[in-house]
């Protein structure tokens, strides 16, 4: 298991995880690894280091029964594994973090490179695979009107009405957020984020929630520049949903 604090910093790792990523000992691992998602290959059907979303939050809010990663070990071997993230609430102060995330790897299996690489590709291609672009991959599970309506046990038409109401509310909240940012009232921005998270959760828009979590975290850490970056991403994603 690998442990992260709420600031996305690795604070602990066991020997099995060190070996899983191809390292000899904790000293070598700590020297070279800042985030294990740097080893996740970007491939359809697998968790990877998303551009817009925190991968830990994504797994936490994922409604998939099983999440998987494809790991490029330090020595170039490929490992496929199920991955889970559990929240731990520590009784003692650890890096001033109220929540610890425990990342577990289940049933890791060594895979042949030929299963993922095209003929004549070399081991170096693993790095290229990490940077592959999959069209709309991060939005794939954000909006499925039929599936979300079924989860809520309502008709698709009614779900659409709820969605349109959300888009109208979104415009109102964005105007309020703009005003609050201009006046440096970030505590009010945080309150609106909580409302938006609740709405997205109720509408099963799980892919949006990690962005809001990142905004919330940045406000807490007074990293307002980063928060505004995620706000831009959030607006872009909502626009994508409106045009979907």
Protein backbone atom coordinates (compact mmCIF):
# COMPACT_ATOMS: atom_id res chain seq x y z
CA UNK A 1 0.00 0.00 0.00
CA UNK A 2 1.08 3.58 -0.71
CA UNK A 3 -0.12 6.43 1.47
CA UNK A 4 -0.85 10.00 0.31
CA UNK A 5 -1.77 12.98 2.47
CA UNK A 6 -4.52 15.37 1.41
CA UNK A 7 -1.92 17.54 -0.34
CA UNK A 8 -1.10 14.72 -2.80
CA UNK A 9 2.27 13.97 -1.15
CA UNK A 10 3.46 10.40 -0.64
CA UNK A 11 4.02 9.87 3.08
CA UNK A 12 4.44 6.09 3.24
CA UNK A 13 5.02 3.00 1.12
CA UNK A 14 5.35 -0.70 1.89
CA UNK A 15 7.94 -3.09 0.45
CA UNK A 16 5.49 -4.80 -1.92
CA UNK A 17 4.63 -1.49 -3.58
CA UNK A 18 8.30 -0.54 -3.88
CA UNK A 19 8.94 -3.82 -5.69
CA UNK A 20 5.80 -3.40 -7.84
CA UNK A 21 7.23 -0.24 -9.40
CA UNK A 22 10.61 -1.85 -10.01
CA UNK A 23 12.64 -0.32 -7.18
CA UNK A 24 15.11 -2.01 -4.85
CA UNK A 25 14.50 -0.11 -1.63
CA UNK A 26 12.70 2.82 0.00
CA UNK A 27 15.70 5.14 -0.41
CA UNK A 28 15.75 4.70 -4.20
CA UNK A 29 11.95 4.98 -4.40
CA UNK A 30 11.78 8.22 -2.37
CA UNK A 31 14.59 9.77 -4.39
CA UNK A 32 12.93 9.22 -7.77
CA UNK A 33 9.15 9.04 -7.18
CA UNK A 34 6.93 12.04 -6.44
CA UNK A 35 3.67 10.61 -7.74
CA UNK A 36 3.09 6.99 -8.75
CA UNK A 37 0.66 8.09 -11.48
CA UNK A 38 3.74 9.14 -13.47
CA UNK A 39 4.15 5.39 -14.08
CA UNK A 40 0.58 4.85 -15.27
CA UNK A 41 0.32 4.37 -19.02
CA UNK A 42 -2.42 6.37 -20.70
CA UNK A 43 -4.59 3.71 -22.28
CA UNK A 44 -8.32 3.40 -22.86
CA UNK A 45 -9.97 1.53 -19.99
CA UNK A 46 -7.25 2.32 -17.43
CA UNK A 47 -6.73 5.01 -14.80
CA UNK A 48 -3.86 7.32 -15.68
CA UNK A 49 -2.53 10.77 -14.77
CA UNK A 50 -5.42 12.87 -16.00
CA UNK A 51 -4.74 16.35 -17.27
CA UNK A 52 -7.83 17.87 -15.66
CA UNK A 53 -8.64 15.59 -12.75
CA UNK A 54 -6.86 14.39 -9.64
CA UNK A 55 -6.58 10.63 -10.21
CA UNK A 56 -7.05 9.85 -6.48
CA UNK A 57 -10.33 11.79 -6.43
CA UNK A 58 -11.39 10.18 -9.69
CA UNK A 59 -11.05 6.68 -8.20
CA UNK A 60 -12.78 7.76 -4.99
CA UNK A 61 -15.83 8.97 -6.90
CA UNK A 62 -15.76 6.33 -9.60
CA UNK A 63 -18.86 4.16 -9.79
CA UNK A 64 -16.98 1.43 -11.63
CA UNK A 65 -16.83 -1.81 -9.58
CA UNK A 66 -13.18 -2.29 -10.61
CA UNK A 67 -10.57 0.28 -11.59
CA UNK A 68 -7.35 -0.80 -13.28
CA UNK A 69 -3.93 0.69 -14.03
CA UNK A 70 -1.21 -0.27 -16.47
CA UNK A 71 2.14 0.35 -14.80
CA UNK A 72 5.42 0.89 -16.64
CA UNK A 73 8.00 -0.38 -14.17
CA UNK A 74 11.39 1.27 -13.87
CA UNK A 75 12.98 -1.67 -15.73
CA UNK A 76 10.50 -1.34 -18.63
CA UNK A 77 8.22 -4.25 -17.75
CA UNK A 78 4.45 -3.75 -17.89
CA UNK A 79 2.18 -4.61 -14.97
CA UNK A 80 -1.62 -4.62 -15.06
CA UNK A 81 -3.32 -4.29 -11.69
CA UNK A 82 -6.60 -3.44 -10.06
CA UNK A 83 -6.33 -0.32 -7.91
CA UNK A 84 -8.37 0.93 -4.98
CA UNK A 85 -8.20 4.05 -2.81
CA UNK A 86 -9.39 4.11 0.79
CA UNK A 87 -9.82 7.16 3.00
CA UNK A 88 -8.18 6.99 6.42
CA UNK A 89 -8.87 9.51 9.17
CA UNK A 90 -5.71 9.58 11.33
CA UNK A 91 -5.91 9.92 15.11
CA UNK A 92 -2.54 11.72 15.16
CA UNK A 93 -1.21 14.71 13.24
CA UNK A 94 0.41 13.63 9.98
CA UNK A 95 1.57 16.58 7.84
CA UNK A 96 -1.47 18.54 9.13
CA UNK A 97 -3.57 16.26 6.92
CA UNK A 98 -7.06 15.39 8.14
CA UNK A 99 -7.40 12.61 5.57
CA UNK A 100 -4.91 9.98 4.41
CA UNK A 101 -5.45 8.08 1.16
CA UNK A 102 -4.33 4.46 1.11
CA UNK A 103 -3.66 3.18 -2.41
CA UNK A 104 -3.78 -0.60 -2.84
CA UNK A 105 -2.85 -2.73 -5.84
CA UNK A 106 -4.79 -5.98 -6.24
CA UNK A 107 -3.82 -8.99 -8.36
CA UNK A 108 -0.92 -7.39 -10.28
CA UNK A 109 -0.07 -9.36 -13.42
CA UNK A 110 2.93 -8.99 -15.71
CA UNK A 111 1.80 -8.27 -19.27
CA UNK A 112 3.52 -8.80 -22.58
CA UNK A 113 4.43 -5.54 -24.32
CA UNK A 114 2.96 -6.91 -27.54
CA UNK A 115 -0.50 -6.67 -25.96
CA UNK A 116 -0.18 -2.89 -25.87
CA UNK A 117 2.50 -1.98 -28.40
CA UNK A 118 2.20 -2.18 -32.16
CA UNK A 119 4.65 -4.37 -34.16
CA UNK A 120 8.19 -2.93 -34.48
CA UNK A 121 7.69 -0.70 -31.44
CA UNK A 122 10.56 -0.66 -28.93
CA UNK A 123 10.56 -0.50 -25.14
CA UNK A 124 11.11 3.25 -25.46
CA UNK A 125 7.59 3.48 -26.83
CA UNK A 126 6.27 3.05 -23.29
CA UNK A 127 7.10 6.70 -22.65
CA UNK A 128 5.19 7.68 -25.78
CA UNK A 129 2.20 5.63 -24.67
CA UNK A 130 2.05 7.61 -21.43
CA UNK A 131 1.54 10.77 -23.50
CA UNK A 132 -0.96 9.32 -25.99
CA UNK A 133 -4.09 11.34 -26.65
CA UNK A 134 -7.45 9.59 -26.45
CA UNK A 135 -10.23 11.80 -27.79
CA UNK A 136 -12.66 12.80 -25.04
CA UNK A 137 -11.35 10.00 -22.81
CA UNK A 138 -11.66 12.06 -19.63
CA UNK A 139 -15.27 12.86 -20.47
CA UNK A 140 -16.28 9.31 -21.35
CA UNK A 141 -17.99 8.60 -18.03
CA UNK A 142 -19.14 12.12 -17.20
CA UNK A 143 -22.47 12.09 -18.95
CA UNK A 144 -24.61 9.19 -20.02
CA UNK A 145 -28.19 10.38 -19.82
CA UNK A 146 -29.64 6.91 -20.15
CA UNK A 147 -27.38 5.33 -17.51
CA UNK A 148 -27.69 8.24 -15.07
CA UNK A 149 -31.48 8.29 -15.41
CA UNK A 150 -31.55 4.55 -14.67
CA UNK A 151 -29.35 5.03 -11.59
CA UNK A 152 -31.77 7.66 -10.30
CA UNK A 153 -34.80 5.57 -11.33
CA UNK A 154 -36.30 8.43 -13.36
CA UNK A 155 -37.13 8.93 -17.03
CA UNK A 156 -34.54 10.28 -19.45
CA UNK A 157 -36.78 13.28 -20.18
CA UNK A 158 -36.98 14.15 -16.49
CA UNK A 159 -33.21 13.73 -16.11
CA UNK A 160 -32.74 16.11 -19.05
CA UNK A 161 -34.95 18.67 -17.31
CA UNK A 162 -32.86 18.39 -14.14
CA UNK A 163 -29.72 18.78 -16.20
CA UNK A 164 -31.01 21.93 -17.90
CA UNK A 165 -31.93 23.35 -14.49
CA UNK A 166 -28.37 22.68 -13.37
CA UNK A 167 -26.94 24.52 -16.38
CA UNK A 168 -29.09 27.55 -15.53
CA UNK A 169 -27.96 27.42 -11.90
CA UNK A 170 -24.37 27.08 -13.10
CA UNK A 171 -24.60 30.42 -14.95
CA UNK A 172 -25.94 32.11 -11.82
CA UNK A 173 -23.23 30.63 -9.60
CA UNK A 174 -20.47 31.59 -12.04
CA UNK A 175 -21.57 35.24 -11.87
CA UNK A 176 -21.50 35.07 -8.08
CA UNK A 177 -18.08 33.42 -8.05
CA UNK A 178 -16.69 36.09 -10.38
CA UNK A 179 -17.94 38.80 -8.02
CA UNK A 180 -16.54 37.05 -4.94
CA UNK A 181 -13.13 36.55 -6.56
CA UNK A 182 -12.96 40.23 -7.53
CA UNK A 183 -13.52 41.08 -3.86
CA UNK A 184 -11.26 38.29 -2.51
CA UNK A 185 -14.16 36.59 -0.74
CA UNK A 186 -12.91 33.07 -1.31
CA UNK A 187 -14.79 31.69 1.69
CA UNK A 188 -17.99 32.45 -0.24
CA UNK A 189 -16.58 30.75 -3.32
CA UNK A 190 -15.96 27.66 -1.18
CA UNK A 191 -19.64 27.64 -0.13
CA UNK A 192 -20.76 27.67 -3.78
CA UNK A 193 -18.36 24.85 -4.58
CA UNK A 194 -20.04 22.73 -1.89
CA UNK A 195 -23.42 23.40 -3.50
CA UNK A 196 -22.09 22.48 -6.96
CA UNK A 197 -20.57 19.26 -5.58
CA UNK A 198 -23.91 18.30 -4.07
CA UNK A 199 -25.75 18.95 -7.35
CA UNK A 200 -23.18 17.01 -9.41
CA UNK A 201 -23.35 14.12 -6.97
CA UNK A 202 -27.15 14.04 -7.17
CA UNK A 203 -27.01 14.08 -10.98
CA UNK A 204 -24.31 11.37 -11.02
CA UNK A 205 -21.85 13.72 -12.75
CA UNK A 206 -18.94 12.01 -10.99
CA UNK A 207 -16.35 13.20 -13.49
CA UNK A 208 -16.91 16.85 -12.52
CA UNK A 209 -16.49 16.36 -8.77
CA UNK A 210 -12.67 15.92 -8.75
CA UNK A 211 -12.29 19.36 -10.34
CA UNK A 212 -14.46 20.91 -7.63
CA UNK A 213 -12.46 19.02 -5.01
CA UNK A 214 -9.26 20.53 -6.40
CA UNK A 215 -10.79 24.03 -6.24
CA UNK A 216 -11.89 23.40 -2.66
CA UNK A 217 -8.42 22.17 -1.69
CA UNK A 218 -6.73 25.18 -3.30
CA UNK A 219 -8.97 27.61 -1.40
CA UNK A 220 -8.14 25.82 1.83
CA UNK A 221 -4.43 26.15 1.05
CA UNK A 222 -4.89 29.76 -0.16
CA UNK A 223 -3.56 28.75 -3.57
CA UNK A 224 -5.97 31.04 -5.36
CA UNK A 225 -4.11 31.12 -8.68
CA UNK A 226 -4.39 27.33 -8.98
CA UNK A 227 -8.03 27.49 -7.90
CA UNK A 228 -8.82 29.86 -10.76
CA UNK A 229 -7.09 27.50 -13.18
CA UNK A 230 -9.38 24.67 -12.08
CA UNK A 231 -12.34 27.04 -12.29
CA UNK A 232 -11.51 27.58 -15.97
CA UNK A 233 -11.35 23.80 -16.46
CA UNK A 234 -14.70 23.40 -14.70
CA UNK A 235 -16.33 26.01 -16.98
CA UNK A 236 -14.85 24.31 -20.03
CA UNK A 237 -16.19 20.92 -18.94
CA UNK A 238 -19.67 22.28 -18.26
CA UNK A 239 -19.63 23.86 -21.71
CA UNK A 240 -18.68 20.44 -23.10
CA UNK A 241 -21.67 18.87 -21.32
CA UNK A 242 -24.01 21.55 -22.62
CA UNK A 243 -22.86 20.85 -26.18
CA UNK A 244 -22.78 17.06 -25.67
